[in-house]
Amino acid sequence: MAQRDLRLLGAWFSPFVLRVQIALNLKGLDYEVVEETLNPKSELLLKSNPVHKKIPVFFHGDKVICESAIIVEYIDEVWSNNALSILPQNAYDRANARFWVSYIDDKVFIFLCLHSFFNFAYSYSYYLMLEIIYSIQPLL
């Protein structure tokens, strides 16, 4: 049974919603998923995230938090007493983790959108994926 004060507004197909669900599950938290249709966008989404009008949106009691990376950091900080920390404790390592989150959001998301939705952009999406692979190869 989910806690009434933890709700996640999202859609099953969103990698950004999945990111938040992974964080909640790592922390062992019970939460309710509120499925968003996006077409048309619900009144709850428009009211909760009036700036971007995007999922995910996380509700913690009367607090509303938007944007998946910010939600994950919030979860990690609020439930810091849990055994597992999502982000590193060291400031430098935490900054590097934030860099890679931003990189994935910027590069990989664009690749997925181009590859999935725009067949005419296939060659550009292929180029982007090669750029991503070459960028992270030295780290592997």
N, C-alpha and C. Protein backbone atom coordinates (compact mmCIF):
# COMPACT_ATOMS: atom_id res chain seq x y z
N MET A 1 0.85 -1.19 0.00
CA MET A 1 0.00 0.00 0.00
C MET A 1 0.89 1.24 0.00
N ALA A 2 0.67 2.10 -0.93
CA ALA A 2 1.47 3.32 -1.07
C ALA A 2 1.10 4.34 0.00
N GLN A 3 2.11 5.09 0.40
CA GLN A 3 1.85 6.19 1.32
C GLN A 3 1.03 7.23 0.58
N ARG A 4 0.05 7.79 1.27
CA ARG A 4 -0.82 8.77 0.61
C ARG A 4 -0.07 10.05 0.26
N ASP A 5 1.03 10.30 0.93
CA ASP A 5 1.71 11.57 0.67
C ASP A 5 2.80 11.48 -0.39
N LEU A 6 3.03 10.31 -0.99
CA LEU A 6 4.02 10.17 -2.07
C LEU A 6 3.31 9.71 -3.34
N ARG A 7 3.27 10.61 -4.32
CA ARG A 7 2.64 10.29 -5.60
C ARG A 7 3.55 10.73 -6.73
N LEU A 8 3.53 9.95 -7.80
CA LEU A 8 4.33 10.26 -8.97
C LEU A 8 3.41 10.33 -10.17
N LEU A 9 3.35 11.50 -10.78
CA LEU A 9 2.56 11.71 -11.98
C LEU A 9 3.46 11.43 -13.17
N GLY A 10 3.08 10.44 -13.99
CA GLY A 10 3.95 10.09 -15.10
C GLY A 10 3.25 9.19 -16.10
N ALA A 11 4.04 8.63 -17.00
CA ALA A 11 3.55 7.72 -18.02
C ALA A 11 4.51 6.54 -18.11
N TRP A 12 3.99 5.38 -18.36
CA TRP A 12 4.79 4.16 -18.33
C TRP A 12 5.92 4.17 -19.35
N PHE A 13 5.79 4.91 -20.42
CA PHE A 13 6.77 4.88 -21.50
C PHE A 13 7.90 5.89 -21.34
N SER A 14 7.85 6.72 -20.32
CA SER A 14 8.82 7.80 -20.17
C SER A 14 10.08 7.33 -19.44
N PRO A 15 11.26 7.49 -20.06
CA PRO A 15 12.50 7.15 -19.35
C PRO A 15 12.76 8.08 -18.16
N PHE A 16 12.20 9.28 -18.20
CA PHE A 16 12.39 10.22 -17.10
C PHE A 16 11.55 9.82 -15.89
N VAL A 17 10.37 9.29 -16.13
CA VAL A 17 9.54 8.76 -15.04
C VAL A 17 10.21 7.52 -14.47
N LEU A 18 10.76 6.68 -15.34
CA LEU A 18 11.45 5.48 -14.89
C LEU A 18 12.63 5.83 -13.99
N ARG A 19 13.34 6.90 -14.31
CA ARG A 19 14.46 7.35 -13.48
C ARG A 19 13.99 7.62 -12.05
N VAL A 20 12.85 8.29 -11.91
CA VAL A 20 12.31 8.60 -10.58
C VAL A 20 11.84 7.32 -9.89
N GLN A 21 11.20 6.43 -10.63
CA GLN A 21 10.73 5.18 -10.03
C GLN A 21 11.91 4.36 -9.51
N ILE A 22 13.00 4.34 -10.23
CA ILE A 22 14.19 3.62 -9.78
C ILE A 22 14.69 4.21 -8.47
N ALA A 23 14.75 5.54 -8.38
CA ALA A 23 15.20 6.20 -7.15
C ALA A 23 14.28 5.86 -5.98
N LEU A 24 12.98 5.93 -6.20
CA LEU A 24 12.02 5.60 -5.14
C LEU A 24 12.17 4.15 -4.69
N ASN A 25 12.36 3.26 -5.64
CA ASN A 25 12.52 1.85 -5.31
C ASN A 25 13.84 1.58 -4.60
N LEU A 26 14.92 2.25 -5.01
CA LEU A 26 16.20 2.09 -4.32
C LEU A 26 16.11 2.52 -2.86
N LYS A 27 15.33 3.54 -2.61
CA LYS A 27 15.14 4.02 -1.24
C LYS A 27 14.11 3.20 -0.47
N GLY A 28 13.44 2.28 -1.15
CA GLY A 28 12.45 1.42 -0.49
C GLY A 28 11.19 2.16 -0.09
N LEU A 29 10.80 3.15 -0.86
CA LEU A 29 9.63 3.97 -0.52
C LEU A 29 8.38 3.45 -1.22
N ASP A 30 7.27 3.52 -0.52
CA ASP A 30 5.97 3.20 -1.12
C ASP A 30 5.39 4.48 -1.70
N TYR A 31 4.91 4.39 -2.91
CA TYR A 31 4.37 5.56 -3.59
C TYR A 31 3.26 5.12 -4.52
N GLU A 32 2.46 6.08 -4.90
CA GLU A 32 1.37 5.83 -5.84
C GLU A 32 1.75 6.43 -7.19
N VAL A 33 1.56 5.67 -8.25
CA VAL A 33 1.78 6.19 -9.60
C VAL A 33 0.43 6.66 -10.14
N VAL A 34 0.40 7.90 -10.58
CA VAL A 34 -0.78 8.47 -11.22
C VAL A 34 -0.45 8.56 -12.71
N GLU A 35 -1.12 7.73 -13.51
CA GLU A 35 -0.83 7.67 -14.94
C GLU A 35 -1.36 8.91 -15.65
N GLU A 36 -0.49 9.55 -16.41
CA GLU A 36 -0.82 10.74 -17.18
C GLU A 36 -1.01 10.35 -18.64
N THR A 37 -2.06 10.84 -19.27
CA THR A 37 -2.34 10.48 -20.66
C THR A 37 -1.58 11.34 -21.67
N LEU A 38 -1.33 12.58 -21.35
CA LEU A 38 -0.60 13.54 -22.18
C LEU A 38 -1.37 14.03 -23.40
N ASN A 39 -2.40 13.34 -23.81
CA ASN A 39 -3.16 13.80 -24.97
C ASN A 39 -4.64 13.60 -24.73
N PRO A 40 -5.31 14.54 -24.17
CA PRO A 40 -4.83 15.86 -23.74
C PRO A 40 -4.15 15.77 -22.37
N LYS A 41 -3.36 16.78 -22.06
CA LYS A 41 -2.71 16.84 -20.76
C LYS A 41 -3.75 17.10 -19.69
N SER A 42 -3.58 16.41 -18.58
CA SER A 42 -4.56 16.52 -17.50
C SER A 42 -4.47 17.87 -16.80
N GLU A 43 -5.54 18.21 -16.15
CA GLU A 43 -5.57 19.45 -15.36
C GLU A 43 -4.54 19.37 -14.23
N LEU A 44 -4.36 18.16 -13.67
CA LEU A 44 -3.37 17.98 -12.60
C LEU A 44 -1.96 18.30 -13.11
N LEU A 45 -1.60 17.85 -14.29
CA LEU A 45 -0.28 18.14 -14.85
C LEU A 45 -0.12 19.63 -15.13
N LEU A 46 -1.11 20.23 -15.75
CA LEU A 46 -1.03 21.66 -16.09
C LEU A 46 -0.94 22.53 -14.84
N LYS A 47 -1.63 22.11 -13.79
CA LYS A 47 -1.61 22.87 -12.53
C LYS A 47 -0.31 22.63 -11.76
N SER A 48 0.21 21.40 -11.82
CA SER A 48 1.39 21.03 -11.03
C SER A 48 2.70 21.47 -11.67
N ASN A 49 2.74 21.51 -12.99
CA ASN A 49 3.95 21.91 -13.70
C ASN A 49 3.57 22.95 -14.77
N PRO A 50 3.17 24.14 -14.34
CA PRO A 50 2.67 25.14 -15.29
C PRO A 50 3.75 25.72 -16.21
N VAL A 51 5.01 25.59 -15.85
CA VAL A 51 6.08 26.16 -16.67
C VAL A 51 6.38 25.27 -17.87
N HIS A 52 6.73 23.99 -17.60
CA HIS A 52 7.11 23.09 -18.69
C HIS A 52 5.97 22.19 -19.16
N LYS A 53 5.00 21.95 -18.27
CA LYS A 53 3.85 21.09 -18.60
C LYS A 53 4.31 19.68 -19.01
N LYS A 54 5.33 19.17 -18.30
CA LYS A 54 5.92 17.87 -18.62
C LYS A 54 5.90 16.95 -17.40
N ILE A 55 5.97 15.65 -17.69
CA ILE A 55 6.15 14.66 -16.65
C ILE A 55 7.64 14.36 -16.54
N PRO A 56 8.08 13.86 -15.41
CA PRO A 56 7.34 13.50 -14.21
C PRO A 56 7.14 14.68 -13.27
N VAL A 57 6.14 14.51 -12.41
CA VAL A 57 5.89 15.44 -11.31
C VAL A 57 5.77 14.58 -10.06
N PHE A 58 6.49 14.95 -9.02
CA PHE A 58 6.50 14.21 -7.76
C PHE A 58 5.80 15.03 -6.69
N PHE A 59 4.88 14.38 -5.98
CA PHE A 59 4.15 15.02 -4.89
C PHE A 59 4.58 14.39 -3.58
N HIS A 60 5.09 15.22 -2.68
CA HIS A 60 5.45 14.78 -1.33
C HIS A 60 4.61 15.62 -0.37
N GLY A 61 3.47 15.05 0.01
CA GLY A 61 2.52 15.82 0.80
C GLY A 61 2.02 16.98 -0.04
N ASP A 62 2.20 18.20 0.47
CA ASP A 62 1.75 19.38 -0.27
C ASP A 62 2.86 20.00 -1.12
N LYS A 63 4.03 19.34 -1.17
CA LYS A 63 5.15 19.84 -1.98
C LYS A 63 5.09 19.21 -3.37
N VAL A 64 5.38 20.01 -4.38
CA VAL A 64 5.39 19.54 -5.76
C VAL A 64 6.79 19.78 -6.33
N ILE A 65 7.40 18.72 -6.87
CA ILE A 65 8.75 18.81 -7.44
C ILE A 65 8.69 18.32 -8.89
N CYS A 66 9.30 19.09 -9.80
CA CYS A 66 9.29 18.76 -11.22
C CYS A 66 10.72 18.51 -11.71
N GLU A 67 10.82 17.85 -12.87
CA GLU A 67 12.07 17.53 -13.54
C GLU A 67 12.74 16.33 -12.85
N SER A 68 12.97 15.28 -13.61
CA SER A 68 13.40 14.00 -13.05
C SER A 68 14.71 14.07 -12.28
N ALA A 69 15.72 14.74 -12.79
CA ALA A 69 17.01 14.81 -12.09
C ALA A 69 16.86 15.55 -10.75
N ILE A 70 16.06 16.58 -10.74
CA ILE A 70 15.82 17.34 -9.50
C ILE A 70 15.04 16.48 -8.51
N ILE A 71 14.07 15.73 -9.01
CA ILE A 71 13.29 14.85 -8.14
C ILE A 71 14.19 13.80 -7.50
N VAL A 72 15.08 13.21 -8.29
CA VAL A 72 15.99 12.18 -7.75
C VAL A 72 16.88 12.77 -6.66
N GLU A 73 17.42 13.97 -6.88
CA GLU A 73 18.24 14.61 -5.86
C GLU A 73 17.41 14.89 -4.60
N TYR A 74 16.18 15.33 -4.77
CA TYR A 74 15.29 15.59 -3.64
C TYR A 74 15.06 14.31 -2.84
N ILE A 75 14.74 13.23 -3.53
CA ILE A 75 14.51 11.94 -2.86
C ILE A 75 15.75 11.51 -2.09
N ASP A 76 16.92 11.66 -2.72
CA ASP A 76 18.17 11.26 -2.07
C ASP A 76 18.45 12.08 -0.82
N GLU A 77 18.11 13.37 -0.85
CA GLU A 77 18.36 14.24 0.31
C GLU A 77 17.33 14.05 1.42
N VAL A 78 16.06 13.93 1.06
CA VAL A 78 15.01 13.82 2.07
C VAL A 78 15.10 12.48 2.80
N TRP A 79 15.36 11.41 2.08
CA TRP A 79 15.46 10.08 2.68
C TRP A 79 16.92 9.65 2.77
N SER A 80 17.74 10.55 3.31
CA SER A 80 19.18 10.29 3.41
C SER A 80 19.51 9.26 4.49
N ASN A 81 18.58 9.00 5.38
CA ASN A 81 18.83 8.03 6.45
C ASN A 81 18.73 6.59 5.95
N ASN A 82 18.21 6.39 4.73
CA ASN A 82 18.18 5.05 4.16
C ASN A 82 19.61 4.60 3.90
N ALA A 83 19.83 3.31 3.94
CA ALA A 83 21.18 2.75 3.81
C ALA A 83 21.84 3.12 2.47
N LEU A 84 21.05 3.21 1.44
CA LEU A 84 21.60 3.44 0.11
C LEU A 84 21.52 4.92 -0.28
N SER A 85 22.66 5.46 -0.68
CA SER A 85 22.68 6.82 -1.20
C SER A 85 22.73 6.74 -2.73
N ILE A 86 21.93 7.54 -3.39
CA ILE A 86 21.88 7.50 -4.85
C ILE A 86 23.06 8.27 -5.44
N LEU A 87 23.29 9.47 -4.95
CA LEU A 87 24.42 10.27 -5.42
C LEU A 87 25.60 10.09 -4.47
N PRO A 88 26.83 10.21 -4.98
CA PRO A 88 28.01 10.08 -4.12
C PRO A 88 28.03 11.16 -3.03
N GLN A 89 28.69 10.87 -1.93
CA GLN A 89 28.80 11.82 -0.83
C GLN A 89 29.85 12.90 -1.12
N ASN A 90 30.89 12.53 -1.83
CA ASN A 90 31.97 13.44 -2.18
C ASN A 90 31.47 14.47 -3.20
N ALA A 91 31.75 15.74 -2.95
CA ALA A 91 31.24 16.82 -3.81
C ALA A 91 31.74 16.70 -5.24
N TYR A 92 33.00 16.34 -5.44
CA TYR A 92 33.54 16.20 -6.79
C TYR A 92 32.85 15.06 -7.54
N ASP A 93 32.71 13.92 -6.86
CA ASP A 93 32.04 12.77 -7.49
C ASP A 93 30.57 13.07 -7.79
N ARG A 94 29.93 13.81 -6.90
CA ARG A 94 28.53 14.20 -7.10
C ARG A 94 28.41 15.13 -8.32
N ALA A 95 29.37 16.04 -8.47
CA ALA A 95 29.38 16.94 -9.63
C ALA A 95 29.55 16.13 -10.92
N ASN A 96 30.42 15.13 -10.91
CA ASN A 96 30.59 14.28 -12.09
C ASN A 96 29.31 13.50 -12.40
N ALA A 97 28.64 13.01 -11.38
CA ALA A 97 27.37 12.30 -11.60
C ALA A 97 26.35 13.23 -12.22
N ARG A 98 26.28 14.45 -11.74
CA ARG A 98 25.34 15.43 -12.31
C ARG A 98 25.69 15.75 -13.76
N PHE A 99 26.98 15.81 -14.07
CA PHE A 99 27.42 16.04 -15.45
C PHE A 99 26.87 14.94 -16.36
N TRP A 100 27.01 13.68 -15.95
CA TRP A 100 26.57 12.57 -16.80
C TRP A 100 25.05 12.51 -16.91
N VAL A 101 24.36 12.88 -15.86
CA VAL A 101 22.90 12.97 -15.95
C VAL A 101 22.51 14.00 -17.00
N SER A 102 23.15 15.15 -16.96
CA SER A 102 22.88 16.21 -17.93
C SER A 102 23.25 15.76 -19.34
N TYR A 103 24.37 15.09 -19.48
CA TYR A 103 24.81 14.61 -20.78
C TYR A 103 23.80 13.63 -21.36
N ILE A 104 23.36 12.69 -20.55
CA ILE A 104 22.36 11.72 -21.01
C ILE A 104 21.08 12.44 -21.40
N ASP A 105 20.64 13.37 -20.58
CA ASP A 105 19.42 14.11 -20.90
C ASP A 105 19.54 14.85 -22.22
N ASP A 106 20.69 15.47 -22.45
CA ASP A 106 20.88 16.29 -23.65
C ASP A 106 21.12 15.46 -24.90
N LYS A 107 21.98 14.48 -24.81
CA LYS A 107 22.40 13.74 -26.01
C LYS A 107 21.53 12.52 -26.29
N VAL A 108 21.37 11.68 -25.31
CA VAL A 108 20.66 10.41 -25.53
C VAL A 108 19.19 10.66 -25.82
N PHE A 109 18.58 11.59 -25.12
CA PHE A 109 17.17 11.87 -25.36
C PHE A 109 16.96 12.37 -26.79
N ILE A 110 17.83 13.24 -27.25
CA ILE A 110 17.72 13.74 -28.62
C ILE A 110 17.87 12.59 -29.61
N PHE A 111 18.83 11.71 -29.34
CA PHE A 111 19.02 10.55 -30.21
C PHE A 111 17.75 9.69 -30.27
N LEU A 112 17.19 9.40 -29.11
CA LEU A 112 16.00 8.57 -29.08
C LEU A 112 14.83 9.21 -29.81
N CYS A 113 14.67 10.50 -29.63
CA CYS A 113 13.58 11.20 -30.31
C CYS A 113 13.77 11.17 -31.82
N LEU A 114 14.96 11.51 -32.26
CA LEU A 114 15.21 11.53 -33.70
C LEU A 114 15.08 10.14 -34.30
N HIS A 115 15.65 9.17 -33.63
CA HIS A 115 15.64 7.82 -34.16
C HIS A 115 14.23 7.23 -34.17
N SER A 116 13.47 7.50 -33.14
CA SER A 116 12.16 6.89 -33.01
C SER A 116 11.07 7.59 -33.81
N PHE A 117 11.12 8.90 -33.86
CA PHE A 117 10.00 9.65 -34.40
C PHE A 117 10.23 10.26 -35.79
N PHE A 118 11.46 10.42 -36.17
CA PHE A 118 11.74 11.10 -37.43
C PHE A 118 12.63 10.23 -38.30
N ASN A 119 12.04 9.44 -39.13
CA ASN A 119 12.82 8.54 -39.98
C ASN A 119 13.76 9.31 -40.91
N PHE A 120 13.37 10.50 -41.31
CA PHE A 120 14.21 11.27 -42.22
C PHE A 120 15.51 11.72 -41.54
N ALA A 121 15.54 11.69 -40.23
CA ALA A 121 16.74 12.13 -39.50
C ALA A 121 17.60 10.96 -39.06
N TYR A 122 17.41 9.81 -39.69
CA TYR A 122 18.12 8.61 -39.26
C TYR A 122 19.64 8.80 -39.29
N SER A 123 20.17 9.37 -40.36
CA SER A 123 21.63 9.51 -40.45
C SER A 123 22.15 10.45 -39.37
N TYR A 124 21.41 11.51 -39.06
CA TYR A 124 21.84 12.42 -38.00
C TYR A 124 21.77 11.73 -36.64
N SER A 125 20.74 10.93 -36.40
CA SER A 125 20.64 10.23 -35.12
C SER A 125 21.75 9.21 -34.99
N TYR A 126 22.14 8.57 -36.10
CA TYR A 126 23.26 7.63 -36.09
C TYR A 126 24.55 8.36 -35.73
N TYR A 127 24.76 9.54 -36.32
CA TYR A 127 25.92 10.36 -36.01
C TYR A 127 25.94 10.73 -34.51
N LEU A 128 24.79 11.11 -33.98
CA LEU A 128 24.72 11.46 -32.56
C LEU A 128 25.08 10.27 -31.67
N MET A 129 24.60 9.09 -32.03
CA MET A 129 24.90 7.91 -31.22
C MET A 129 26.39 7.60 -31.27
N LEU A 130 27.01 7.73 -32.43
CA LEU A 130 28.46 7.53 -32.51
C LEU A 130 29.21 8.54 -31.64
N GLU A 131 28.75 9.77 -31.64
CA GLU A 131 29.36 10.80 -30.80
C GLU A 131 29.25 10.43 -29.33
N ILE A 132 28.10 9.93 -28.94
CA ILE A 132 27.89 9.51 -27.55
C ILE A 132 28.84 8.36 -27.20
N ILE A 133 28.92 7.37 -28.07
CA ILE A 133 29.78 6.21 -27.80
C ILE A 133 31.24 6.62 -27.68
N TYR A 134 31.71 7.46 -28.62
CA TYR A 134 33.09 7.91 -28.56
C TYR A 134 33.36 8.77 -27.32
N SER A 135 32.37 9.49 -26.86
CA SER A 135 32.55 10.34 -25.68
C SER A 135 32.71 9.51 -24.40
N ILE A 136 31.97 8.44 -24.31
CA ILE A 136 32.03 7.66 -23.06
C ILE A 136 33.00 6.49 -23.11
N GLN A 137 33.52 6.16 -24.30
CA GLN A 137 34.41 5.03 -24.46
C GLN A 137 35.61 5.06 -23.51
N PRO A 138 36.29 6.19 -23.34
CA PRO A 138 37.44 6.19 -22.43
C PRO A 138 37.07 5.90 -20.97
N LEU A 139 35.81 6.08 -20.64
CA LEU A 139 35.37 5.86 -19.25
C LEU A 139 35.03 4.40 -18.98
N LEU A 140 34.87 3.63 -20.03
CA LEU A 140 34.45 2.23 -19.85
C LEU A 140 35.61 1.32 -19.56
